[in-house]
Amino acid sequence: MRLPQDLANLLARAIRDVIWFKPAVRSFLESCGVPKAVMIEVARLQNDGTPTIKIVHHVLDVLAEKGDEGESITKKMLTQMHYWNDLHSVEADRKDKAVESLKALREGVDRYKAQQNFQQQEREKQMQVTREQRTRMSA
């Protein structure tokens, strides 16, 4: 499963604004279960001066290619950032930006969940209509 682009952007921005320091970003990704091979790429990209947002997008792209394993890691990253509460360690000059990013991520996740629920309900309605049509045809 690939995260929708708008949600991936919000996640990358939240990671950049809340966690900020390169070693802390690596620790966060490792704690979410990002594979070692990908973490080696992350370290290389960070050493090359690649911005955190691009690194997070790269990680999400690689995880999308890994199927169910990548999906569970992506969900863990999204969940951990969604419920992030450690804002006291964010420097004062960056705190407003971090709070704004977290708020935007939380709103984005809520919209995404609502959209997923709506689509699920529509699928269930369509399946019900199909079942009803089958019973009428067999009768």
N, C-alpha and C. Protein backbone atom coordinates (compact mmCIF):
# COMPACT_ATOMS: atom_id res chain seq x y z
N MET A 1 0.83 -1.18 0.00
CA MET A 1 0.00 0.00 0.00
C MET A 1 0.88 1.24 0.00
N ARG A 2 0.60 2.11 -0.90
CA ARG A 2 1.32 3.38 -0.96
C ARG A 2 0.45 4.44 -0.29
N LEU A 3 1.05 5.20 0.60
CA LEU A 3 0.31 6.30 1.23
C LEU A 3 -0.04 7.33 0.16
N PRO A 4 -1.23 7.91 0.25
CA PRO A 4 -1.55 8.99 -0.68
C PRO A 4 -0.52 10.12 -0.54
N GLN A 5 -0.25 10.79 -1.63
CA GLN A 5 0.81 11.81 -1.64
C GLN A 5 0.60 12.90 -0.60
N ASP A 6 -0.64 13.35 -0.42
CA ASP A 6 -0.88 14.42 0.55
C ASP A 6 -0.57 13.95 1.97
N LEU A 7 -0.90 12.72 2.29
CA LEU A 7 -0.62 12.18 3.62
C LEU A 7 0.88 11.93 3.80
N ALA A 8 1.55 11.46 2.75
CA ALA A 8 3.00 11.25 2.80
C ALA A 8 3.71 12.58 3.03
N ASN A 9 3.24 13.64 2.38
CA ASN A 9 3.84 14.97 2.58
C ASN A 9 3.67 15.45 4.01
N LEU A 10 2.47 15.24 4.56
CA LEU A 10 2.22 15.66 5.94
C LEU A 10 3.08 14.87 6.93
N LEU A 11 3.24 13.57 6.68
CA LEU A 11 4.08 12.74 7.55
C LEU A 11 5.53 13.20 7.48
N ALA A 12 6.04 13.42 6.27
CA ALA A 12 7.43 13.84 6.11
C ALA A 12 7.67 15.19 6.78
N ARG A 13 6.73 16.10 6.62
CA ARG A 13 6.86 17.42 7.24
C ARG A 13 6.84 17.31 8.76
N ALA A 14 5.96 16.46 9.30
CA ALA A 14 5.88 16.30 10.75
C ALA A 14 7.17 15.71 11.30
N ILE A 15 7.72 14.72 10.61
CA ILE A 15 8.98 14.12 11.07
C ILE A 15 10.08 15.18 11.06
N ARG A 16 10.14 15.96 9.98
CA ARG A 16 11.17 17.01 9.90
C ARG A 16 11.01 18.04 11.01
N ASP A 17 9.79 18.50 11.23
CA ASP A 17 9.57 19.60 12.18
C ASP A 17 9.62 19.17 13.63
N VAL A 18 9.20 17.95 13.92
CA VAL A 18 9.14 17.50 15.32
C VAL A 18 10.46 16.87 15.76
N ILE A 19 11.00 15.99 14.93
CA ILE A 19 12.19 15.25 15.35
C ILE A 19 13.48 16.01 15.03
N TRP A 20 13.55 16.58 13.85
CA TRP A 20 14.57 17.52 13.41
C TRP A 20 15.98 16.95 13.27
N PHE A 21 16.66 16.56 14.35
CA PHE A 21 18.07 16.16 14.27
C PHE A 21 18.23 14.84 13.53
N LYS A 22 19.26 14.76 12.70
CA LYS A 22 19.46 13.58 11.84
C LYS A 22 19.56 12.27 12.63
N PRO A 23 20.33 12.23 13.71
CA PRO A 23 20.39 10.96 14.47
C PRO A 23 19.02 10.58 15.06
N ALA A 24 18.25 11.57 15.47
CA ALA A 24 16.93 11.29 16.03
C ALA A 24 15.98 10.78 14.95
N VAL A 25 16.10 11.30 13.74
CA VAL A 25 15.27 10.82 12.62
C VAL A 25 15.62 9.36 12.33
N ARG A 26 16.91 9.05 12.32
CA ARG A 26 17.33 7.65 12.10
C ARG A 26 16.80 6.75 13.21
N SER A 27 16.87 7.20 14.44
CA SER A 27 16.36 6.40 15.56
C SER A 27 14.86 6.17 15.43
N PHE A 28 14.14 7.21 15.03
CA PHE A 28 12.70 7.07 14.84
C PHE A 28 12.40 6.02 13.77
N LEU A 29 13.07 6.11 12.64
CA LEU A 29 12.83 5.16 11.55
C LEU A 29 13.19 3.74 11.98
N GLU A 30 14.30 3.58 12.69
CA GLU A 30 14.69 2.25 13.18
C GLU A 30 13.66 1.71 14.16
N SER A 31 13.14 2.56 15.04
CA SER A 31 12.16 2.10 16.03
C SER A 31 10.85 1.68 15.36
N CYS A 32 10.60 2.19 14.18
CA CYS A 32 9.39 1.81 13.44
C CYS A 32 9.59 0.51 12.67
N GLY A 33 10.81 0.02 12.62
CA GLY A 33 11.07 -1.26 11.97
C GLY A 33 11.56 -1.16 10.54
N VAL A 34 12.04 0.02 10.13
CA VAL A 34 12.58 0.16 8.78
C VAL A 34 13.77 -0.79 8.63
N PRO A 35 13.81 -1.60 7.57
CA PRO A 35 14.87 -2.60 7.40
C PRO A 35 16.28 -1.97 7.38
N LYS A 36 17.25 -2.77 7.81
CA LYS A 36 18.64 -2.30 7.90
C LYS A 36 19.16 -1.78 6.56
N ALA A 37 18.83 -2.47 5.47
CA ALA A 37 19.32 -2.04 4.15
C ALA A 37 18.83 -0.64 3.82
N VAL A 38 17.60 -0.35 4.18
CA VAL A 38 17.04 0.98 3.92
C VAL A 38 17.70 1.99 4.86
N MET A 39 17.99 1.59 6.09
CA MET A 39 18.62 2.49 7.04
C MET A 39 20.03 2.87 6.58
N ILE A 40 20.72 1.95 5.91
CA ILE A 40 22.03 2.27 5.36
C ILE A 40 21.89 3.36 4.29
N GLU A 41 20.86 3.23 3.46
CA GLU A 41 20.59 4.27 2.45
C GLU A 41 20.26 5.59 3.12
N VAL A 42 19.48 5.54 4.20
CA VAL A 42 19.12 6.76 4.93
C VAL A 42 20.37 7.45 5.45
N ALA A 43 21.27 6.70 6.04
CA ALA A 43 22.51 7.28 6.56
C ALA A 43 23.33 7.92 5.44
N ARG A 44 23.39 7.24 4.29
CA ARG A 44 24.14 7.77 3.15
C ARG A 44 23.50 9.06 2.65
N LEU A 45 22.19 9.06 2.54
CA LEU A 45 21.49 10.26 2.07
C LEU A 45 21.68 11.42 3.04
N GLN A 46 21.62 11.14 4.34
CA GLN A 46 21.83 12.19 5.33
C GLN A 46 23.25 12.74 5.24
N ASN A 47 24.22 11.87 5.05
CA ASN A 47 25.61 12.32 4.92
C ASN A 47 25.82 13.16 3.67
N ASP A 48 25.03 12.89 2.63
CA ASP A 48 25.11 13.66 1.38
C ASP A 48 24.38 14.98 1.48
N GLY A 49 23.67 15.22 2.58
CA GLY A 49 22.97 16.48 2.79
C GLY A 49 21.55 16.52 2.23
N THR A 50 20.98 15.35 1.95
CA THR A 50 19.62 15.28 1.44
C THR A 50 18.65 15.73 2.53
N PRO A 51 17.69 16.59 2.19
CA PRO A 51 16.72 17.05 3.19
C PRO A 51 15.88 15.89 3.75
N THR A 52 15.46 16.04 4.99
CA THR A 52 14.69 15.00 5.69
C THR A 52 13.42 14.63 4.94
N ILE A 53 12.74 15.61 4.37
CA ILE A 53 11.49 15.32 3.66
C ILE A 53 11.74 14.37 2.50
N LYS A 54 12.79 14.60 1.75
CA LYS A 54 13.12 13.71 0.62
C LYS A 54 13.50 12.32 1.12
N ILE A 55 14.18 12.26 2.24
CA ILE A 55 14.57 10.97 2.80
C ILE A 55 13.33 10.19 3.22
N VAL A 56 12.40 10.84 3.89
CA VAL A 56 11.18 10.16 4.33
C VAL A 56 10.40 9.67 3.11
N HIS A 57 10.31 10.48 2.07
CA HIS A 57 9.61 10.04 0.85
C HIS A 57 10.31 8.83 0.23
N HIS A 58 11.64 8.84 0.25
CA HIS A 58 12.40 7.70 -0.28
C HIS A 58 12.08 6.43 0.53
N VAL A 59 12.07 6.56 1.84
CA VAL A 59 11.77 5.42 2.71
C VAL A 59 10.35 4.91 2.43
N LEU A 60 9.40 5.82 2.30
CA LEU A 60 8.01 5.42 2.03
C LEU A 60 7.90 4.72 0.68
N ASP A 61 8.64 5.20 -0.32
CA ASP A 61 8.63 4.55 -1.64
C ASP A 61 9.19 3.14 -1.57
N VAL A 62 10.29 2.97 -0.86
CA VAL A 62 10.90 1.64 -0.73
C VAL A 62 9.96 0.71 0.04
N LEU A 63 9.33 1.22 1.09
CA LEU A 63 8.41 0.40 1.88
C LEU A 63 7.19 0.00 1.06
N ALA A 64 6.73 0.87 0.17
CA ALA A 64 5.58 0.55 -0.66
C ALA A 64 5.87 -0.64 -1.57
N GLU A 65 7.12 -0.80 -1.96
CA GLU A 65 7.53 -1.91 -2.81
C GLU A 65 7.63 -3.22 -2.04
N LYS A 66 7.65 -3.18 -0.73
CA LYS A 66 7.85 -4.38 0.09
C LYS A 66 6.55 -5.07 0.49
N GLY A 67 5.42 -4.61 -0.02
CA GLY A 67 4.16 -5.29 0.23
C GLY A 67 3.66 -5.12 1.65
N ASP A 68 3.19 -6.23 2.23
CA ASP A 68 2.57 -6.19 3.56
C ASP A 68 3.55 -5.75 4.65
N GLU A 69 4.80 -6.20 4.54
CA GLU A 69 5.80 -5.81 5.53
C GLU A 69 6.00 -4.30 5.52
N GLY A 70 6.13 -3.74 4.33
CA GLY A 70 6.30 -2.30 4.19
C GLY A 70 5.08 -1.53 4.66
N GLU A 71 3.90 -2.09 4.39
CA GLU A 71 2.66 -1.44 4.82
C GLU A 71 2.58 -1.35 6.33
N SER A 72 2.96 -2.42 7.02
CA SER A 72 2.89 -2.38 8.49
C SER A 72 3.89 -1.38 9.07
N ILE A 73 5.06 -1.26 8.45
CA ILE A 73 6.05 -0.29 8.92
C ILE A 73 5.56 1.13 8.66
N THR A 74 4.97 1.35 7.49
CA THR A 74 4.43 2.67 7.16
C THR A 74 3.33 3.05 8.13
N LYS A 75 2.45 2.10 8.44
CA LYS A 75 1.37 2.37 9.40
C LYS A 75 1.94 2.70 10.78
N LYS A 76 3.01 2.00 11.16
CA LYS A 76 3.62 2.26 12.47
C LYS A 76 4.22 3.67 12.50
N MET A 77 4.87 4.07 11.41
CA MET A 77 5.43 5.43 11.34
C MET A 77 4.32 6.47 11.46
N LEU A 78 3.26 6.24 10.72
CA LEU A 78 2.13 7.17 10.72
C LEU A 78 1.47 7.23 12.09
N THR A 79 1.29 6.08 12.72
CA THR A 79 0.66 6.01 14.04
C THR A 79 1.52 6.70 15.10
N GLN A 80 2.82 6.42 15.07
CA GLN A 80 3.69 7.03 16.08
C GLN A 80 3.72 8.55 15.97
N MET A 81 3.76 9.06 14.74
CA MET A 81 3.76 10.51 14.58
C MET A 81 2.39 11.09 14.92
N HIS A 82 1.34 10.36 14.59
CA HIS A 82 -0.02 10.85 14.87
C HIS A 82 -0.23 11.04 16.37
N TYR A 83 0.30 10.14 17.17
CA TYR A 83 0.12 10.20 18.62
C TYR A 83 1.33 10.78 19.35
N TRP A 84 2.19 11.48 18.64
CA TRP A 84 3.41 12.05 19.23
C TRP A 84 3.05 13.11 20.26
N ASN A 85 3.62 13.00 21.45
CA ASN A 85 3.33 13.97 22.51
C ASN A 85 4.58 14.67 23.04
N ASP A 86 5.74 14.27 22.62
CA ASP A 86 7.00 14.77 23.18
C ASP A 86 7.39 16.10 22.54
N LEU A 87 6.63 17.14 22.83
CA LEU A 87 6.95 18.45 22.28
C LEU A 87 7.80 19.29 23.22
N HIS A 88 7.98 18.83 24.46
CA HIS A 88 8.80 19.60 25.40
C HIS A 88 10.27 19.59 25.02
N SER A 89 10.68 18.59 24.22
CA SER A 89 12.08 18.52 23.82
C SER A 89 12.37 19.31 22.54
N VAL A 90 11.32 19.84 21.91
CA VAL A 90 11.51 20.66 20.71
C VAL A 90 11.95 22.05 21.14
N GLU A 91 12.95 22.58 20.46
CA GLU A 91 13.46 23.91 20.81
C GLU A 91 12.36 24.95 20.64
N ALA A 92 12.41 25.97 21.46
CA ALA A 92 11.35 26.98 21.51
C ALA A 92 11.13 27.67 20.18
N ASP A 93 12.20 27.93 19.43
CA ASP A 93 12.03 28.64 18.17
C ASP A 93 11.40 27.77 17.08
N ARG A 94 11.37 26.46 17.28
CA ARG A 94 10.76 25.56 16.30
C ARG A 94 9.44 24.96 16.78
N LYS A 95 9.08 25.22 18.02
CA LYS A 95 7.91 24.57 18.64
C LYS A 95 6.62 24.89 17.90
N ASP A 96 6.40 26.14 17.51
CA ASP A 96 5.16 26.51 16.81
C ASP A 96 5.02 25.74 15.50
N LYS A 97 6.13 25.65 14.78
CA LYS A 97 6.12 24.93 13.50
C LYS A 97 5.86 23.44 13.72
N ALA A 98 6.44 22.88 14.77
CA ALA A 98 6.24 21.46 15.08
C ALA A 98 4.78 21.18 15.45
N VAL A 99 4.20 22.05 16.27
CA VAL A 99 2.80 21.88 16.67
C VAL A 99 1.89 21.99 15.45
N GLU A 100 2.18 22.95 14.59
CA GLU A 100 1.39 23.13 13.37
C GLU A 100 1.48 21.89 12.46
N SER A 101 2.66 21.34 12.32
CA SER A 101 2.85 20.14 11.49
C SER A 101 2.11 18.94 12.06
N LEU A 102 2.19 18.76 13.36
CA LEU A 102 1.49 17.65 13.99
C LEU A 102 -0.02 17.80 13.85
N LYS A 103 -0.51 19.01 14.01
CA LYS A 103 -1.94 19.25 13.87
C LYS A 103 -2.39 18.95 12.44
N ALA A 104 -1.61 19.39 11.47
CA ALA A 104 -1.94 19.13 10.06
C ALA A 104 -1.92 17.63 9.77
N LEU A 105 -0.94 16.90 10.33
CA LEU A 105 -0.87 15.46 10.14
C LEU A 105 -2.09 14.78 10.74
N ARG A 106 -2.45 15.17 11.94
CA ARG A 106 -3.61 14.56 12.61
C ARG A 106 -4.89 14.80 11.83
N GLU A 107 -5.06 16.02 11.32
CA GLU A 107 -6.24 16.32 10.52
C GLU A 107 -6.23 15.51 9.22
N GLY A 108 -5.05 15.38 8.61
CA GLY A 108 -4.93 14.59 7.39
C GLY A 108 -5.25 13.13 7.62
N VAL A 109 -4.78 12.58 8.73
CA VAL A 109 -5.07 11.18 9.06
C VAL A 109 -6.56 10.99 9.29
N ASP A 110 -7.17 11.93 9.99
CA ASP A 110 -8.62 11.84 10.24
C ASP A 110 -9.40 11.88 8.93
N ARG A 111 -9.00 12.75 8.01
CA ARG A 111 -9.68 12.80 6.70
C ARG A 111 -9.47 11.51 5.92
N TYR A 112 -8.25 10.96 6.00
CA TYR A 112 -7.93 9.72 5.30
C TYR A 112 -8.77 8.56 5.85
N LYS A 113 -8.88 8.49 7.17
CA LYS A 113 -9.69 7.43 7.80
C LYS A 113 -11.16 7.58 7.40
N ALA A 114 -11.65 8.80 7.39
CA ALA A 114 -13.04 9.03 6.99
C ALA A 114 -13.26 8.60 5.54
N GLN A 115 -12.31 8.91 4.69
CA GLN A 115 -12.41 8.51 3.29
C GLN A 115 -12.39 6.99 3.16
N GLN A 116 -11.52 6.34 3.89
CA GLN A 116 -11.43 4.87 3.85
C GLN A 116 -12.75 4.25 4.34
N ASN A 117 -13.31 4.80 5.42
CA ASN A 117 -14.58 4.28 5.94
C ASN A 117 -15.70 4.47 4.93
N PHE A 118 -15.75 5.62 4.28
CA PHE A 118 -16.78 5.88 3.28
C PHE A 118 -16.66 4.89 2.12
N GLN A 119 -15.42 4.68 1.65
CA GLN A 119 -15.22 3.74 0.55
C GLN A 119 -15.60 2.32 0.95
N GLN A 120 -15.30 1.93 2.18
CA GLN A 120 -15.67 0.61 2.68
C GLN A 120 -17.19 0.46 2.73
N GLN A 121 -17.88 1.48 3.19
CA GLN A 121 -19.34 1.43 3.25
C GLN A 121 -19.93 1.33 1.84
N GLU A 122 -19.35 2.05 0.89
CA GLU A 122 -19.84 1.98 -0.49
C GLU A 122 -19.62 0.59 -1.08
N ARG A 123 -18.48 -0.02 -0.79
CA ARG A 123 -18.22 -1.40 -1.26
C ARG A 123 -19.23 -2.37 -0.66
N GLU A 124 -19.50 -2.20 0.64
CA GLU A 124 -20.46 -3.09 1.30
C GLU A 124 -21.86 -2.92 0.73
N LYS A 125 -22.25 -1.68 0.42
CA LYS A 125 -23.56 -1.45 -0.20
C LYS A 125 -23.63 -2.12 -1.57
N GLN A 126 -22.56 -2.00 -2.34
CA GLN A 126 -22.52 -2.61 -3.67
C GLN A 126 -22.58 -4.14 -3.57
N MET A 127 -21.88 -4.70 -2.59
CA MET A 127 -21.92 -6.15 -2.40
C MET A 127 -23.32 -6.60 -2.00
N GLN A 128 -24.00 -5.81 -1.18
CA GLN A 128 -25.37 -6.14 -0.77
C GLN A 128 -26.31 -6.12 -1.98
N VAL A 129 -26.17 -5.14 -2.83
CA VAL A 129 -27.00 -5.06 -4.04
C VAL A 129 -26.73 -6.27 -4.93
N THR A 130 -25.48 -6.65 -5.07
CA THR A 130 -25.13 -7.81 -5.88
C THR A 130 -25.73 -9.09 -5.31
N ARG A 131 -25.67 -9.26 -3.98
CA ARG A 131 -26.25 -10.44 -3.34
C ARG A 131 -27.76 -10.48 -3.55
N GLU A 132 -28.41 -9.33 -3.43
CA GLU A 132 -29.85 -9.28 -3.63
C GLU A 132 -30.22 -9.64 -5.06
N GLN A 133 -29.43 -9.19 -6.01
CA GLN A 133 -29.69 -9.50 -7.41
C GLN A 133 -29.51 -10.99 -7.67
N ARG A 134 -28.53 -11.60 -7.06
CA ARG A 134 -28.29 -13.04 -7.24
C ARG A 134 -29.45 -13.85 -6.69
N THR A 135 -29.97 -13.44 -5.52
CA THR A 135 -31.08 -14.23 -4.94
C THR A 135 -32.32 -14.08 -5.78
N ARG A 136 -32.57 -12.93 -6.38
CA ARG A 136 -33.72 -12.75 -7.26
C ARG A 136 -33.56 -13.59 -8.54
N MET A 137 -32.35 -13.64 -9.06
CA MET A 137 -32.12 -14.41 -10.28
C MET A 137 -32.28 -15.90 -10.03
N SER A 138 -31.84 -16.38 -8.87
CA SER A 138 -31.95 -17.81 -8.60
C SER A 138 -33.39 -18.21 -8.27
N ALA A 139 -34.15 -17.30 -7.74
CA ALA A 139 -35.55 -17.60 -7.42
C ALA A 139 -36.34 -17.69 -8.72
